[in-house]
PDB file of all heavy atoms in Angstrom:
ATOM      1  N   ARG A   1      -2.424  -8.715  23.057  1.00  0.00           N
ATOM      2  CA  ARG A   1      -1.310  -9.399  23.721  1.00  0.00           C
ATOM      3  C   ARG A   1      -0.317  -9.991  22.701  1.00  0.00           C
ATOM      4  O   ARG A   1       0.880 -10.111  22.990  1.00  0.00           O
ATOM      5  CB  ARG A   1      -1.821 -10.485  24.664  1.00  0.00           C
ATOM      6  CG  ARG A   1      -2.447  -9.815  25.906  1.00  0.00           C
ATOM      7  CD  ARG A   1      -2.921 -10.759  26.956  1.00  0.00           C
ATOM      8  NE  ARG A   1      -4.065 -11.542  26.490  1.00  0.00           N
ATOM      9  CZ  ARG A   1      -4.087 -12.865  26.343  1.00  0.00           C
ATOM     10  NH1 ARG A   1      -3.016 -13.581  26.659  1.00  0.00           N
ATOM     11  NH2 ARG A   1      -5.160 -13.506  25.919  1.00  0.00           N
ATOM     12  N   LEU A   2      -0.810 -10.294  21.474  1.00  0.00           N
ATOM     13  CA  LEU A   2       0.084 -10.762  20.426  1.00  0.00           C
ATOM     14  C   LEU A   2       0.857  -9.627  19.756  1.00  0.00           C
ATOM     15  O   LEU A   2       1.971  -9.828  19.278  1.00  0.00           O
ATOM     16  CB  LEU A   2      -0.715 -11.541  19.368  1.00  0.00           C
ATOM     17  CG  LEU A   2      -1.288 -12.871  19.789  1.00  0.00           C
ATOM     18  CD1 LEU A   2      -2.261 -13.401  18.737  1.00  0.00           C
ATOM     19  CD2 LEU A   2      -0.164 -13.876  20.049  1.00  0.00           C
ATOM     20  N   ALA A   3       0.252  -8.429  19.666  1.00  0.00           N
ATOM     21  CA  ALA A   3       0.803  -7.328  18.920  1.00  0.00           C
ATOM     22  C   ALA A   3       2.254  -6.988  19.249  1.00  0.00           C
ATOM     23  O   ALA A   3       3.063  -6.744  18.329  1.00  0.00           O
ATOM     24  CB  ALA A   3      -0.083  -6.101  19.082  1.00  0.00           C
ATOM     25  N   PRO A   4       2.674  -6.942  20.521  1.00  0.00           N
ATOM     26  CA  PRO A   4       4.082  -6.631  20.795  1.00  0.00           C
ATOM     27  C   PRO A   4       5.056  -7.669  20.231  1.00  0.00           C
ATOM     28  O   PRO A   4       6.254  -7.414  20.154  1.00  0.00           O
ATOM     29  CB  PRO A   4       4.153  -6.595  22.330  1.00  0.00           C
ATOM     30  CG  PRO A   4       2.762  -6.392  22.774  1.00  0.00           C
ATOM     31  CD  PRO A   4       1.896  -7.057  21.733  1.00  0.00           C
ATOM     32  N   HIS A   5       4.526  -8.808  19.819  1.00  0.00           N
ATOM     33  CA  HIS A   5       5.389  -9.886  19.305  1.00  0.00           C
ATOM     34  C   HIS A   5       5.333  -9.997  17.793  1.00  0.00           C
ATOM     35  O   HIS A   5       5.800 -10.973  17.217  1.00  0.00           O
ATOM     36  CB  HIS A   5       5.021 -11.198  19.978  1.00  0.00           C
ATOM     37  CG  HIS A   5       5.024 -11.101  21.478  1.00  0.00           C
ATOM     38  ND1 HIS A   5       6.196 -11.015  22.194  1.00  0.00           N
ATOM     39  CD2 HIS A   5       4.026 -10.994  22.364  1.00  0.00           C
ATOM     40  CE1 HIS A   5       5.900 -10.879  23.475  1.00  0.00           C
ATOM     41  NE2 HIS A   5       4.603 -10.848  23.613  1.00  0.00           N
ATOM     42  N   SER A   6       4.727  -8.999  17.156  1.00  0.00           N
ATOM     43  CA  SER A   6       4.660  -8.961  15.683  1.00  0.00           C
ATOM     44  C   SER A   6       6.090  -8.812  15.149  1.00  0.00           C
ATOM     45  O   SER A   6       6.904  -8.095  15.692  1.00  0.00           O
ATOM     46  CB  SER A   6       3.805  -7.761  15.249  1.00  0.00           C
ATOM     47  OG  SER A   6       3.555  -7.823  13.878  1.00  0.00           O
ATOM     48  N   ALA A   7       6.369  -9.523  14.053  1.00  0.00           N
ATOM     49  CA  ALA A   7       7.690  -9.458  13.463  1.00  0.00           C
ATOM     50  C   ALA A   7       7.995  -8.065  12.863  1.00  0.00           C
ATOM     51  O   ALA A   7       9.139  -7.681  12.783  1.00  0.00           O
ATOM     52  CB  ALA A   7       7.846 -10.539  12.390  1.00  0.00           C
ATOM     53  N   ALA A   8       6.939  -7.362  12.453  1.00  0.00           N
ATOM     54  CA  ALA A   8       7.096  -6.026  11.872  1.00  0.00           C
ATOM     55  C   ALA A   8       5.810  -5.249  11.984  1.00  0.00           C
ATOM     56  O   ALA A   8       4.740  -5.850  12.112  1.00  0.00           O
ATOM     57  CB  ALA A   8       7.513  -6.162  10.403  1.00  0.00           C
ATOM     58  N   ASP A   9       5.928  -3.921  11.926  1.00  0.00           N
ATOM     59  CA  ASP A   9       4.746  -3.084  11.845  1.00  0.00           C
ATOM     60  C   ASP A   9       4.137  -3.205  10.456  1.00  0.00           C
ATOM     61  O   ASP A   9       4.825  -3.472   9.464  1.00  0.00           O
ATOM     62  CB  ASP A   9       5.105  -1.633  12.096  1.00  0.00           C
ATOM     63  CG  ASP A   9       5.270  -1.303  13.588  1.00  0.00           C
ATOM     64  OD1 ASP A   9       5.049  -2.196  14.423  1.00  0.00           O
ATOM     65  OD2 ASP A   9       5.579  -0.143  13.887  1.00  0.00           O
ATOM     66  N   GLY A  10       2.815  -3.005  10.393  1.00  0.00           N
ATOM     67  CA  GLY A  10       2.125  -3.025   9.104  1.00  0.00           C
ATOM     68  C   GLY A  10       0.822  -3.802   9.186  1.00  0.00           C
ATOM     69  O   GLY A  10       0.407  -4.255  10.256  1.00  0.00           O
ATOM     70  N   PRO A  11       0.171  -3.933   8.034  1.00  0.00           N
ATOM     71  CA  PRO A  11      -1.117  -4.630   7.987  1.00  0.00           C
ATOM     72  C   PRO A  11      -0.981  -6.113   8.396  1.00  0.00           C
ATOM     73  O   PRO A  11       0.003  -6.773   8.045  1.00  0.00           O
ATOM     74  CB  PRO A  11      -1.553  -4.533   6.526  1.00  0.00           C
ATOM     75  CG  PRO A  11      -0.703  -3.482   5.928  1.00  0.00           C
ATOM     76  CD  PRO A  11       0.570  -3.430   6.706  1.00  0.00           C
ATOM     77  N   ILE A  12      -1.988  -6.576   9.160  1.00  0.00           N
ATOM     78  CA  ILE A  12      -1.995  -7.979   9.574  1.00  0.00           C
ATOM     79  C   ILE A  12      -3.297  -8.665   9.143  1.00  0.00           C
ATOM     80  O   ILE A  12      -3.430  -9.883   9.303  1.00  0.00           O
ATOM     81  CB  ILE A  12      -1.799  -8.141  11.080  1.00  0.00           C
ATOM     82  CG1 ILE A  12      -2.924  -7.410  11.864  1.00  0.00           C
ATOM     83  CG2 ILE A  12      -0.415  -7.663  11.482  1.00  0.00           C
ATOM     84  CD1 ILE A  12      -2.994  -7.796  13.315  1.00  0.00           C
ATOM     85  N   GLY A  13      -4.259  -7.904   8.632  1.00  0.00           N
ATOM     86  CA  GLY A  13      -5.506  -8.517   8.215  1.00  0.00           C
ATOM     87  C   GLY A  13      -6.636  -7.508   8.137  1.00  0.00           C
ATOM     88  O   GLY A  13      -6.398  -6.302   7.934  1.00  0.00           O
ATOM     89  N   SER A  14      -7.866  -8.009   8.329  1.00  0.00           N
ATOM     90  CA  SER A  14      -9.031  -7.134   8.264  1.00  0.00           C
ATOM     91  C   SER A  14     -10.174  -7.748   9.064  1.00  0.00           C
ATOM     92  O   SER A  14     -10.155  -8.932   9.388  1.00  0.00           O
ATOM     93  CB  SER A  14      -9.472  -6.937   6.804  1.00  0.00           C
ATOM     94  OG  SER A  14      -9.908  -8.181   6.254  1.00  0.00           O
ATOM     95  N   ILE A  15     -11.158  -6.873   9.352  1.00  0.00           N
ATOM     96  CA  ILE A  15     -12.399  -7.335  10.007  1.00  0.00           C
ATOM     97  C   ILE A  15     -13.526  -6.534   9.390  1.00  0.00           C
ATOM     98  O   ILE A  15     -13.420  -5.342   9.093  1.00  0.00           O
ATOM     99  CB  ILE A  15     -12.294  -7.163  11.533  1.00  0.00           C
ATOM    100  CG1 ILE A  15     -13.464  -7.893  12.212  1.00  0.00           C
ATOM    101  CG2 ILE A  15     -12.215  -5.707  11.936  1.00  0.00           C
ATOM    102  CD1 ILE A  15     -13.255  -8.162  13.681  1.00  0.00           C
ATOM    103  N   ARG A  16     -14.661  -7.235   9.160  1.00  0.00           N
ATOM    104  CA  ARG A  16     -15.831  -6.564   8.587  1.00  0.00           C
ATOM    105  C   ARG A  16     -17.090  -7.202   9.127  1.00  0.00           C
ATOM    106  O   ARG A  16     -17.134  -8.388   9.406  1.00  0.00           O
ATOM    107  CB  ARG A  16     -15.813  -6.626   7.068  1.00  0.00           C
ATOM    108  CG  ARG A  16     -16.112  -7.989   6.503  1.00  0.00           C
ATOM    109  CD  ARG A  16     -16.237  -7.982   4.974  1.00  0.00           C
ATOM    110  NE  ARG A  16     -16.456  -9.334   4.477  1.00  0.00           N
ATOM    111  CZ  ARG A  16     -17.653  -9.872   4.290  1.00  0.00           C
ATOM    112  NH1 ARG A  16     -18.754  -9.211   4.521  1.00  0.00           N
ATOM    113  NH2 ARG A  16     -17.756 -11.121   3.844  1.00  0.00           N
ATOM    114  N   PHE A  17     -18.164  -6.373   9.240  1.00  0.00           N
ATOM    115  CA  PHE A  17     -19.469  -6.879   9.558  1.00  0.00           C
ATOM    116  C   PHE A  17     -19.937  -7.688   8.373  1.00  0.00           C
ATOM    117  O   PHE A  17     -19.720  -7.297   7.224  1.00  0.00           O
ATOM    118  CB  PHE A  17     -20.416  -5.706   9.873  1.00  0.00           C
ATOM    119  CG  PHE A  17     -21.773  -6.140  10.336  1.00  0.00           C
ATOM    120  CD1 PHE A  17     -21.925  -6.796  11.535  1.00  0.00           C
ATOM    121  CD2 PHE A  17     -22.905  -5.899   9.568  1.00  0.00           C
ATOM    122  CE1 PHE A  17     -23.181  -7.212  11.971  1.00  0.00           C
ATOM    123  CE2 PHE A  17     -24.136  -6.297   9.985  1.00  0.00           C
ATOM    124  CZ  PHE A  17     -24.308  -6.968  11.208  1.00  0.00           C
ATOM    125  N   TYR A  18     -20.563  -8.831   8.608  1.00  0.00           N
ATOM    126  CA  TYR A  18     -20.852  -9.765   7.523  1.00  0.00           C
ATOM    127  C   TYR A  18     -21.714  -9.185   6.400  1.00  0.00           C
ATOM    128  O   TYR A  18     -21.633  -9.644   5.269  1.00  0.00           O
ATOM    129  CB  TYR A  18     -21.475 -11.056   8.069  1.00  0.00           C
ATOM    130  CG  TYR A  18     -22.976 -10.997   8.298  1.00  0.00           C
ATOM    131  CD1 TYR A  18     -23.857 -11.545   7.372  1.00  0.00           C
ATOM    132  CD2 TYR A  18     -23.523 -10.385   9.431  1.00  0.00           C
ATOM    133  CE1 TYR A  18     -25.222 -11.503   7.575  1.00  0.00           C
ATOM    134  CE2 TYR A  18     -24.875 -10.348   9.622  1.00  0.00           C
ATOM    135  CZ  TYR A  18     -25.728 -10.896   8.703  1.00  0.00           C
ATOM    136  OH  TYR A  18     -27.074 -10.854   8.889  1.00  0.00           O
ATOM    137  N   GLU A  19     -22.525  -8.180   6.677  1.00  0.00           N
ATOM    138  CA  GLU A  19     -23.399  -7.590   5.661  1.00  0.00           C
ATOM    139  C   GLU A  19     -22.692  -6.602   4.762  1.00  0.00           C
ATOM    140  O   GLU A  19     -23.220  -6.184   3.737  1.00  0.00           O
ATOM    141  CB  GLU A  19     -24.629  -6.955   6.273  1.00  0.00           C
ATOM    142  CG  GLU A  19     -25.588  -7.943   6.888  1.00  0.00           C
ATOM    143  CD  GLU A  19     -26.823  -7.278   7.489  1.00  0.00           C
ATOM    144  OE1 GLU A  19     -26.747  -6.067   7.846  1.00  0.00           O
ATOM    145  OE2 GLU A  19     -27.851  -7.952   7.595  1.00  0.00           O
ATOM    146  N   TYR A  20     -21.502  -6.136   5.157  1.00  0.00           N
ATOM    147  CA  TYR A  20     -20.778  -5.107   4.401  1.00  0.00           C
ATOM    148  C   TYR A  20     -19.838  -5.774   3.408  1.00  0.00           C
ATOM    149  O   TYR A  20     -19.262  -6.839   3.662  1.00  0.00           O
ATOM    150  CB  TYR A  20     -19.985  -4.206   5.347  1.00  0.00           C
ATOM    151  CG  TYR A  20     -20.842  -3.461   6.361  1.00  0.00           C
ATOM    152  CD1 TYR A  20     -20.246  -2.887   7.465  1.00  0.00           C
ATOM    153  CD2 TYR A  20     -22.200  -3.296   6.213  1.00  0.00           C
ATOM    154  CE1 TYR A  20     -20.989  -2.197   8.411  1.00  0.00           C
ATOM    155  CE2 TYR A  20     -22.950  -2.581   7.136  1.00  0.00           C
ATOM    156  CZ  TYR A  20     -22.334  -2.054   8.232  1.00  0.00           C
ATOM    157  OH  TYR A  20     -23.080  -1.366   9.150  1.00  0.00           O
ATOM    158  N   GLU A  21     -19.614  -5.077   2.290  1.00  0.00           N
ATOM    159  CA  GLU A  21     -18.684  -5.587   1.289  1.00  0.00           C
ATOM    160  C   GLU A  21     -17.233  -5.393   1.691  1.00  0.00           C
ATOM    161  O   GLU A  21     -16.366  -6.177   1.279  1.00  0.00           O
ATOM    162  CB  GLU A  21     -18.932  -4.929  -0.073  1.00  0.00           C
ATOM    163  CG  GLU A  21     -20.234  -5.377  -0.718  1.00  0.00           C
ATOM    164  CD  GLU A  21     -20.403  -4.835  -2.091  1.00  0.00           C
ATOM    165  OE1 GLU A  21     -19.385  -4.463  -2.752  1.00  0.00           O
ATOM    166  OE2 GLU A  21     -21.572  -4.745  -2.547  1.00  0.00           O
ATOM    167  N   SER A  22     -16.975  -4.343   2.454  1.00  0.00           N
ATOM    168  CA  SER A  22     -15.595  -4.107   2.877  1.00  0.00           C
ATOM    169  C   SER A  22     -15.588  -3.822   4.382  1.00  0.00           C
ATOM    170  O   SER A  22     -16.621  -3.562   4.980  1.00  0.00           O
ATOM    171  CB  SER A  22     -14.975  -2.954   2.120  1.00  0.00           C
ATOM    172  OG  SER A  22     -15.670  -1.768   2.364  1.00  0.00           O
ATOM    173  N   GLY A  23     -14.413  -3.893   4.937  1.00  0.00           N
ATOM    174  CA  GLY A  23     -14.280  -3.696   6.375  1.00  0.00           C
ATOM    175  C   GLY A  23     -13.127  -2.795   6.700  1.00  0.00           C
ATOM    176  O   GLY A  23     -12.744  -1.913   5.923  1.00  0.00           O
ATOM    177  N   ASP A  24     -12.539  -3.037   7.844  1.00  0.00           N
ATOM    178  CA  ASP A  24     -11.443  -2.209   8.336  1.00  0.00           C
ATOM    179  C   ASP A  24     -10.135  -3.030   8.309  1.00  0.00           C
ATOM    180  O   ASP A  24     -10.133  -4.194   8.699  1.00  0.00           O
ATOM    181  CB  ASP A  24     -11.720  -1.759   9.770  1.00  0.00           C
ATOM    182  CG  ASP A  24     -12.935  -0.829   9.846  1.00  0.00           C
ATOM    183  OD1 ASP A  24     -12.996   0.113   9.024  1.00  0.00           O
ATOM    184  OD2 ASP A  24     -13.794  -1.062  10.705  1.00  0.00           O
ATOM    185  N   VAL A  25      -9.080  -2.355   7.914  1.00  0.00           N
ATOM    186  CA  VAL A  25      -7.762  -2.969   7.931  1.00  0.00           C
ATOM    187  C   VAL A  25      -7.277  -3.054   9.366  1.00  0.00           C
ATOM    188  O   VAL A  25      -7.421  -2.105  10.159  1.00  0.00           O
ATOM    189  CB  VAL A  25      -6.770  -2.142   7.070  1.00  0.00           C
ATOM    190  CG1 VAL A  25      -5.332  -2.661   7.238  1.00  0.00           C
ATOM    191  CG2 VAL A  25      -7.196  -2.161   5.624  1.00  0.00           C
ATOM    192  N   LEU A  26      -6.731  -4.180   9.736  1.00  0.00           N
ATOM    193  CA  LEU A  26      -6.082  -4.360  11.010  1.00  0.00           C
ATOM    194  C   LEU A  26      -4.581  -4.236  10.776  1.00  0.00           C
ATOM    195  O   LEU A  26      -4.036  -4.826   9.848  1.00  0.00           O
ATOM    196  CB  LEU A  26      -6.391  -5.716  11.603  1.00  0.00           C
ATOM    197  CG  LEU A  26      -7.870  -6.017  11.906  1.00  0.00           C
ATOM    198  CD1 LEU A  26      -8.009  -7.443  12.414  1.00  0.00           C
ATOM    199  CD2 LEU A  26      -8.424  -5.024  12.917  1.00  0.00           C
ATOM    200  N   GLU A  27      -3.939  -3.437  11.590  1.00  0.00           N
ATOM    201  CA  GLU A  27      -2.488  -3.266  11.450  1.00  0.00           C
ATOM    202  C   GLU A  27      -1.840  -3.132  12.816  1.00  0.00           C
ATOM    203  O   GLU A  27      -2.500  -2.776  13.793  1.00  0.00           O
ATOM    204  CB  GLU A  27      -2.158  -2.096  10.571  1.00  0.00           C
ATOM    205  CG  GLU A  27      -2.584  -0.760  11.139  1.00  0.00           C
ATOM    206  CD  GLU A  27      -2.195   0.408  10.235  1.00  0.00           C
ATOM    207  OE1 GLU A  27      -1.465   0.216   9.240  1.00  0.00           O
ATOM    208  OE2 GLU A  27      -2.600   1.523  10.536  1.00  0.00           O
ATOM    209  N   VAL A  28      -0.576  -3.452  12.862  1.00  0.00           N
ATOM    210  CA  VAL A  28       0.206  -3.277  14.069  1.00  0.00           C
ATOM    211  C   VAL A  28       1.117  -2.065  13.855  1.00  0.00           C
ATOM    212  O   VAL A  28       1.810  -1.979  12.846  1.00  0.00           O
ATOM    213  CB  VAL A  28       1.062  -4.530  14.375  1.00  0.00           C
ATOM    214  CG1 VAL A  28       2.016  -4.286  15.515  1.00  0.00           C
ATOM    215  CG2 VAL A  28       0.181  -5.728  14.703  1.00  0.00           C
ATOM    216  N   ARG A  29       1.054  -1.157  14.819  1.00  0.00           N
ATOM    217  CA  ARG A  29       1.918   0.020  14.832  1.00  0.00           C
ATOM    218  C   ARG A  29       2.440   0.180  16.253  1.00  0.00           C
ATOM    219  O   ARG A  29       1.667   0.322  17.213  1.00  0.00           O
ATOM    220  CB  ARG A  29       1.175   1.287  14.439  1.00  0.00           C
ATOM    221  CG  ARG A  29       0.688   1.310  13.022  1.00  0.00           C
ATOM    222  CD  ARG A  29       1.849   1.652  12.073  1.00  0.00           C
ATOM    223  NE  ARG A  29       1.379   1.502  10.712  1.00  0.00           N
ATOM    224  CZ  ARG A  29       2.077   0.932   9.753  1.00  0.00           C
ATOM    225  NH1 ARG A  29       3.252   0.432   9.998  1.00  0.00           N
ATOM    226  NH2 ARG A  29       1.583   0.826   8.547  1.00  0.00           N
ATOM    227  N   GLY A  30       3.754   0.090  16.415  1.00  0.00           N
ATOM    228  CA  GLY A  30       4.363   0.288  17.718  1.00  0.00           C
ATOM    229  C   GLY A  30       3.890  -0.711  18.754  1.00  0.00           C
ATOM    230  O   GLY A  30       3.710  -0.361  19.915  1.00  0.00           O
ATOM    231  N   GLY A  31       3.646  -1.938  18.339  1.00  0.00           N
ATOM    232  CA  GLY A  31       3.226  -2.972  19.273  1.00  0.00           C
ATOM    233  C   GLY A  31       1.758  -2.916  19.659  1.00  0.00           C
ATOM    234  O   GLY A  31       1.349  -3.577  20.619  1.00  0.00           O
ATOM    235  N   VAL A  32       0.945  -2.168  18.911  1.00  0.00           N
ATOM    236  CA  VAL A  32      -0.491  -2.034  19.180  1.00  0.00           C
ATOM    237  C   VAL A  32      -1.282  -2.358  17.923  1.00  0.00           C
ATOM    238  O   VAL A  32      -0.931  -1.900  16.833  1.00  0.00           O
ATOM    239  CB  VAL A  32      -0.824  -0.581  19.643  1.00  0.00           C
ATOM    240  CG1 VAL A  32      -2.293  -0.373  19.851  1.00  0.00           C
ATOM    241  CG2 VAL A  32      -0.032  -0.239  20.926  1.00  0.00           C
ATOM    242  N   VAL A  33      -2.378  -3.119  18.093  1.00  0.00           N
ATOM    243  CA  VAL A  33      -3.266  -3.400  16.977  1.00  0.00           C
ATOM    244  C   VAL A  33      -4.204  -2.219  16.772  1.00  0.00           C
ATOM    245  O   VAL A  33      -4.837  -1.755  17.718  1.00  0.00           O
ATOM    246  CB  VAL A  33      -4.077  -4.703  17.174  1.00  0.00           C
ATOM    247  CG1 VAL A  33      -5.101  -4.882  16.067  1.00  0.00           C
ATOM    248  CG2 VAL A  33      -3.162  -5.908  17.257  1.00  0.00           C
ATOM    249  N   ARG A  34      -4.296  -1.739  15.538  1.00  0.00           N
ATOM    250  CA  ARG A  34      -5.210  -0.631  15.191  1.00  0.00           C
ATOM    251  C   ARG A  34      -6.220  -1.201  14.194  1.00  0.00           C
ATOM    252  O   ARG A  34      -5.907  -2.077  13.396  1.00  0.00           O
ATOM    253  CB  ARG A  34      -4.446   0.484  14.592  1.00  0.00           C
ATOM    254  CG  ARG A  34      -3.263   0.935  15.434  1.00  0.00           C
ATOM    255  CD  ARG A  34      -3.018   2.412  15.352  1.00  0.00           C
ATOM    256  NE  ARG A  34      -1.843   2.795  16.093  1.00  0.00           N
ATOM    257  CZ  ARG A  34      -1.803   3.113  17.366  1.00  0.00           C
ATOM    258  NH1 ARG A  34      -2.907   3.095  18.072  1.00  0.00           N
ATOM    259  NH2 ARG A  34      -0.694   3.490  17.948  1.00  0.00           N
TER     260      ARG A  34
END
């Protein structure tokens, strides 16, 4: 619901399972979080 109100497309953060060293990039593209 926040994604359509993003100021710009692009990376907005990340999410990872606590046991993993790295996770997945969160980004907004066309008003959708990927």
